[in-house]
Amino acid sequence: MRRLIAFPCAGETLIGSLDEGAGSTGLLIVSGGNEIRAGAHRGMALLAAELAAEGVPVFRYDRRGVGDSGGVNRGFRAARADLLAACEAFRAEAPQVARLVAFGNCDAATTLALHGRDAGIARVLLANPWVVEPVDELPPPAAIRAHYAARLRDPATWRRALGGGISPGKLIRGLARIVRKPPTAEPLAAEALAAIAGWGADATVILAAGDATAIACADAANRAGIAPRTVTIATNSHSFAREADAAALAAAIRDLVTACE
């Protein structure tokens, strides 16, 4: 059974969905960016129903200013209070839950890495953590390098180049971004990666192999000498939208839940 839950946060009312299950380990799903709690293509709503049918209680919520929740959306940097309020509401509405684990994608993963311990969360699954802030409209340099490496291995790229099918301006901007020396310390990357490392064995990072955000995260972690436990899914989909991707993600989440039981 799915119930809508209204709960307070910093003077505003947030809306969450609880898919009820009898288990003592509850799963909190945190939405990234401006995404509503149903997830891309309703993926998180479908996942919640599937896990609840197996006995796992699942709570999802819209942070302030997103979806059905009131207030102003101030981004993931201001989402700590929302996370803490959601965990409190989850525990109140599912009193049999003794342990919370959590999943988040993109900047929701970063929110969990930074503030999940404050919310009393035992373990986290962090998908494609957002660790590199954009400086222009182009993807992060690591993602551009991976893109061009793949393109240069593809004979069709050379045929397009010889036929004038590649934009010289876009190519020049991309190459300039690759050779630009990265800053010695990217503040968000340093903060987020240190937070991920601080979870130790209680955090697993899951990456979509061809996703720009995931590639940037892996590159930043490598440069920082941080090697969290990582699962890689062979997909370009940031939201794990394809059927096989969704199945692999669901399996990783089941592992997260059972690790606490």
Protein backbone atom coordinates (compact mmCIF):
# COMPACT_ATOMS: atom_id res chain seq x y z
CA MET A 1 0.00 0.00 0.00
CA ARG A 2 1.23 3.48 -0.88
CA ARG A 3 0.43 6.44 1.34
CA LEU A 4 1.03 10.16 0.85
CA ILE A 5 2.76 11.78 3.82
CA ALA A 6 2.88 15.49 4.59
CA PHE A 7 5.61 16.59 6.99
CA PRO A 8 7.21 19.87 8.13
CA CYS A 9 10.60 21.26 7.14
CA ALA A 10 11.88 24.72 8.05
CA GLY A 11 8.39 26.22 8.11
CA GLU A 12 7.28 24.57 4.87
CA THR A 13 5.28 21.43 4.13
CA LEU A 14 6.96 18.65 2.21
CA ILE A 15 5.19 15.73 0.55
CA GLY A 16 6.47 12.19 0.55
CA SER A 17 5.26 8.76 -0.52
CA LEU A 18 5.56 5.71 1.69
CA ASP A 19 5.33 2.29 0.06
CA GLU A 20 4.64 0.12 3.07
CA GLY A 21 6.51 -3.06 3.89
CA ALA A 22 6.93 -5.10 7.03
CA GLY A 23 10.74 -5.12 7.00
CA SER A 24 12.89 -3.51 9.69
CA THR A 25 15.31 -1.96 7.17
CA GLY A 26 13.78 0.99 5.36
CA LEU A 27 14.96 2.46 2.07
CA LEU A 28 14.97 6.23 1.56
CA ILE A 29 15.11 7.38 -2.07
CA VAL A 30 16.37 10.93 -2.56
CA SER A 31 15.68 12.66 -5.88
CA GLY A 32 18.40 14.66 -7.60
CA GLY A 33 18.30 17.99 -9.36
CA ASN A 34 14.77 19.26 -9.86
CA GLU A 35 13.41 15.75 -10.32
CA ILE A 36 10.19 14.85 -8.54
CA ARG A 37 10.02 11.86 -6.24
CA ALA A 38 8.54 9.58 -8.94
CA GLY A 39 11.87 9.73 -10.75
CA ALA A 40 12.65 9.83 -14.45
CA HIS A 41 10.07 7.82 -16.41
CA ARG A 42 8.45 7.04 -13.00
CA GLY A 43 11.43 4.77 -12.38
CA MET A 44 11.68 5.42 -8.63
CA ALA A 45 7.93 4.97 -8.09
CA LEU A 46 8.04 1.63 -9.91
CA LEU A 47 11.13 0.55 -7.98
CA ALA A 48 9.52 1.50 -4.66
CA ALA A 49 6.43 -0.57 -5.43
CA GLU A 50 8.56 -3.55 -6.49
CA LEU A 51 10.67 -3.48 -3.31
CA ALA A 52 7.68 -2.90 -1.04
CA ALA A 53 6.05 -6.01 -2.49
CA GLU A 54 9.13 -7.86 -1.24
CA GLY A 55 8.66 -6.41 2.26
CA VAL A 56 10.98 -3.38 2.10
CA PRO A 57 9.38 -0.12 3.26
CA VAL A 58 10.36 2.69 0.87
CA PHE A 59 10.03 6.44 1.41
CA ARG A 60 10.45 9.07 -1.31
CA TYR A 61 9.96 12.83 -1.00
CA ASP A 62 10.03 16.11 -2.89
CA ARG A 63 12.46 18.59 -1.38
CA ARG A 64 11.43 22.20 -0.86
CA GLY A 65 10.30 23.94 -4.03
CA VAL A 66 10.11 20.72 -6.08
CA GLY A 67 7.03 18.76 -7.11
CA ASP A 68 4.27 18.83 -4.51
CA SER A 69 6.36 20.38 -1.73
CA GLY A 70 6.14 24.00 -0.66
CA GLY A 71 8.93 26.52 -0.32
CA VAL A 72 11.76 27.62 -2.60
CA ASN A 73 14.11 25.25 -4.37
CA ARG A 74 17.56 26.36 -3.28
CA GLY A 75 19.37 23.37 -4.74
CA PHE A 76 21.15 20.41 -3.23
CA ARG A 77 23.50 22.60 -1.20
CA ALA A 78 20.52 23.67 0.91
CA ALA A 79 18.87 20.23 1.11
CA ARG A 80 20.26 19.02 4.46
CA ALA A 81 17.16 20.06 6.41
CA ASP A 82 14.89 18.34 3.88
CA LEU A 83 16.85 15.10 4.24
CA LEU A 84 16.72 15.16 8.03
CA ALA A 85 13.00 15.95 8.02
CA ALA A 86 12.29 13.12 5.57
CA CYS A 87 14.16 10.60 7.72
CA GLU A 88 12.26 11.74 10.81
CA ALA A 89 8.94 11.40 8.96
CA PHE A 90 9.89 7.96 7.64
CA ARG A 91 10.68 6.68 11.13
CA ALA A 92 7.47 8.15 12.53
CA GLU A 93 5.28 6.62 9.82
CA ALA A 94 7.03 3.21 9.82
CA PRO A 95 7.91 2.61 13.48
CA GLN A 96 9.04 -0.97 12.82
CA VAL A 97 12.01 0.40 10.87
CA ALA A 98 15.16 0.00 12.94
CA ARG A 99 17.69 0.96 10.24
CA LEU A 100 17.64 3.32 7.29
CA VAL A 101 19.59 2.89 4.08
CA ALA A 102 19.42 5.40 1.25
CA PHE A 103 19.83 5.75 -2.49
CA GLY A 104 20.37 8.94 -4.45
CA ASN A 105 21.40 9.83 -7.99
CA CYS A 106 23.46 12.83 -9.14
CA ASP A 107 23.37 15.71 -6.63
CA ALA A 108 21.09 13.64 -4.38
CA ALA A 109 24.02 11.24 -4.02
CA THR A 110 26.16 14.19 -2.97
CA THR A 111 23.53 15.30 -0.46
CA LEU A 112 23.54 11.81 1.05
CA ALA A 113 27.33 11.66 1.16
CA LEU A 114 27.52 15.01 2.93
CA HIS A 115 24.58 14.75 5.32
CA GLY A 116 23.42 11.14 5.50
CA ARG A 117 25.26 10.43 8.74
CA ASP A 118 23.58 13.44 10.36
CA ALA A 119 20.23 11.86 9.42
CA GLY A 120 21.13 8.56 11.06
CA ILE A 121 21.41 6.63 7.79
CA ALA A 122 23.38 3.39 8.11
CA ARG A 123 24.44 2.77 4.50
CA VAL A 124 24.21 4.61 1.19
CA LEU A 125 24.21 3.77 -2.50
CA LEU A 126 25.47 6.81 -4.40
CA ALA A 127 24.73 6.85 -8.12
CA ASN A 128 26.71 9.15 -10.42
CA PRO A 129 27.66 11.59 -7.62
CA TRP A 130 27.76 15.23 -8.68
CA VAL A 131 31.27 16.39 -7.77
CA VAL A 132 32.31 18.77 -10.57
CA GLU A 133 30.45 22.06 -10.93
CA PRO A 134 29.94 23.26 -14.54
CA VAL A 135 31.93 26.26 -15.76
CA ASP A 136 30.22 26.55 -19.16
CA GLU A 137 27.78 24.63 -21.34
CA LEU A 138 30.27 21.87 -22.08
CA PRO A 139 30.55 18.58 -20.14
CA PRO A 140 33.41 18.11 -17.66
CA PRO A 141 36.86 17.61 -19.28
CA ALA A 142 37.02 13.93 -18.27
CA ALA A 143 33.72 13.28 -20.05
CA ILE A 144 34.92 15.12 -23.16
CA ARG A 145 38.13 13.07 -23.21
CA ALA A 146 36.14 9.85 -22.95
CA HIS A 147 33.76 11.03 -25.67
CA TYR A 148 36.54 11.88 -28.13
CA ALA A 149 38.45 8.68 -27.37
CA ALA A 150 35.36 6.65 -28.24
CA ARG A 151 34.66 8.73 -31.34
CA LEU A 152 38.21 8.41 -32.64
CA ARG A 153 37.95 4.62 -32.42
CA ASP A 154 34.79 4.70 -34.55
CA PRO A 155 35.38 4.62 -38.36
CA ALA A 156 32.13 6.52 -38.88
CA THR A 157 33.71 9.53 -37.16
CA TRP A 158 36.49 9.70 -39.73
CA ARG A 159 33.98 9.39 -42.58
CA ARG A 160 31.97 12.29 -41.10
CA ALA A 161 35.12 14.37 -40.68
CA LEU A 162 36.20 13.82 -44.29
CA GLY A 163 32.68 14.67 -45.43
CA GLY A 164 32.50 17.90 -43.44
CA GLY A 165 29.96 16.53 -40.97
CA ILE A 166 31.79 17.65 -37.82
CA SER A 167 31.52 21.22 -36.51
CA PRO A 168 35.01 22.77 -36.34
CA GLY A 169 33.91 25.30 -33.70
CA LYS A 170 32.52 22.65 -31.38
CA LEU A 171 35.60 20.51 -31.91
CA ILE A 172 37.94 23.39 -31.04
CA ARG A 173 35.98 24.25 -27.87
CA GLY A 174 36.02 20.62 -26.78
CA LEU A 175 39.75 20.21 -27.41
CA ALA A 176 40.49 23.47 -25.60
CA ARG A 177 38.53 22.20 -22.61
CA ILE A 178 40.53 18.97 -22.59
CA VAL A 179 43.95 20.65 -22.56
CA ARG A 180 42.93 23.30 -20.03
CA LYS A 181 44.73 22.56 -16.78
CA PRO A 182 42.19 21.65 -14.08
CA PRO A 183 42.26 23.64 -10.86
CA THR A 184 44.46 22.09 -8.19
CA ALA A 185 41.49 21.88 -5.84
CA GLU A 186 37.87 21.82 -6.93
CA PRO A 187 36.02 22.70 -3.73
CA LEU A 188 32.94 20.57 -4.32
CA ALA A 189 34.98 17.58 -5.47
CA ALA A 190 37.26 17.76 -2.45
CA GLU A 191 34.33 18.07 -0.05
CA ALA A 192 32.13 15.42 -1.65
CA LEU A 193 34.89 12.86 -2.17
CA ALA A 194 36.12 13.28 1.40
CA ALA A 195 32.56 12.72 2.57
CA ILE A 196 32.24 9.57 0.44
CA ALA A 197 35.55 8.26 1.77
CA GLY A 198 34.37 8.97 5.31
CA TRP A 199 31.58 6.40 4.92
CA GLY A 200 34.13 3.66 4.39
CA ALA A 201 32.50 0.29 3.69
CA ASP A 202 29.05 1.79 4.36
CA ALA A 203 29.03 3.57 0.98
CA THR A 204 28.87 2.06 -2.49
CA VAL A 205 29.20 4.21 -5.59
CA ILE A 206 27.32 3.06 -8.66
CA LEU A 207 28.31 4.56 -12.01
CA ALA A 208 26.67 4.59 -15.44
CA ALA A 209 29.75 3.88 -17.56
CA GLY A 210 28.99 6.35 -20.36
CA ASP A 211 27.39 9.12 -18.30
CA ALA A 212 29.27 12.45 -18.18
CA THR A 213 28.58 13.00 -14.47
CA ALA A 214 29.79 9.48 -13.63
CA ILE A 215 32.93 9.88 -15.75
CA ALA A 216 33.72 13.19 -14.03
CA CYS A 217 33.24 11.60 -10.60
CA ALA A 218 35.51 8.65 -11.40
CA ASP A 219 38.19 10.98 -12.77
CA ALA A 220 38.05 13.28 -9.73
CA ALA A 221 38.23 10.31 -7.35
CA ASN A 222 41.22 8.92 -9.23
CA ARG A 223 43.05 12.27 -9.11
CA ALA A 224 42.28 12.54 -5.39
CA GLY A 225 43.53 9.02 -4.68
CA ILE A 226 40.13 7.95 -3.35
CA ALA A 227 38.84 4.50 -4.26
CA PRO A 228 35.37 3.88 -2.85
CA ARG A 229 33.62 0.57 -3.40
CA THR A 230 32.24 0.99 -6.92
CA VAL A 231 29.78 -0.85 -9.16
CA THR A 232 29.71 0.10 -12.83
CA ILE A 233 26.70 -0.50 -15.07
CA ALA A 234 27.36 -0.61 -18.82
CA THR A 235 24.97 2.14 -19.88
CA ASN A 236 24.99 5.76 -21.05
CA SER A 237 21.74 6.46 -19.21
CA HIS A 238 22.20 8.82 -16.27
CA SER A 239 18.88 7.64 -14.79
CA PHE A 240 19.37 3.92 -15.57
CA ALA A 241 16.25 4.14 -17.71
CA ARG A 242 16.62 1.04 -19.86
CA GLU A 243 15.16 -2.25 -18.64
CA ALA A 244 18.54 -3.92 -18.10
CA ASP A 245 19.89 -0.81 -16.34
CA ALA A 246 16.90 -0.67 -14.01
CA ALA A 247 17.31 -4.35 -13.16
CA ALA A 248 21.00 -3.87 -12.34
CA LEU A 249 20.18 -0.86 -10.18
CA ALA A 250 17.44 -2.75 -8.35
CA ALA A 251 19.88 -5.60 -7.66
CA ALA A 252 22.40 -3.14 -6.17
CA ILE A 253 19.70 -1.64 -3.96
CA ARG A 254 18.63 -5.09 -2.77
CA ASP A 255 22.26 -5.74 -1.82
CA LEU A 256 22.25 -2.46 0.11
CA VAL A 257 19.17 -3.50 2.08
CA THR A 258 20.27 -7.04 2.82
CA ALA A 259 23.71 -5.84 3.98
CA CYS A 260 21.96 -4.23 6.96
CA GLU A 261 19.81 -7.21 7.91
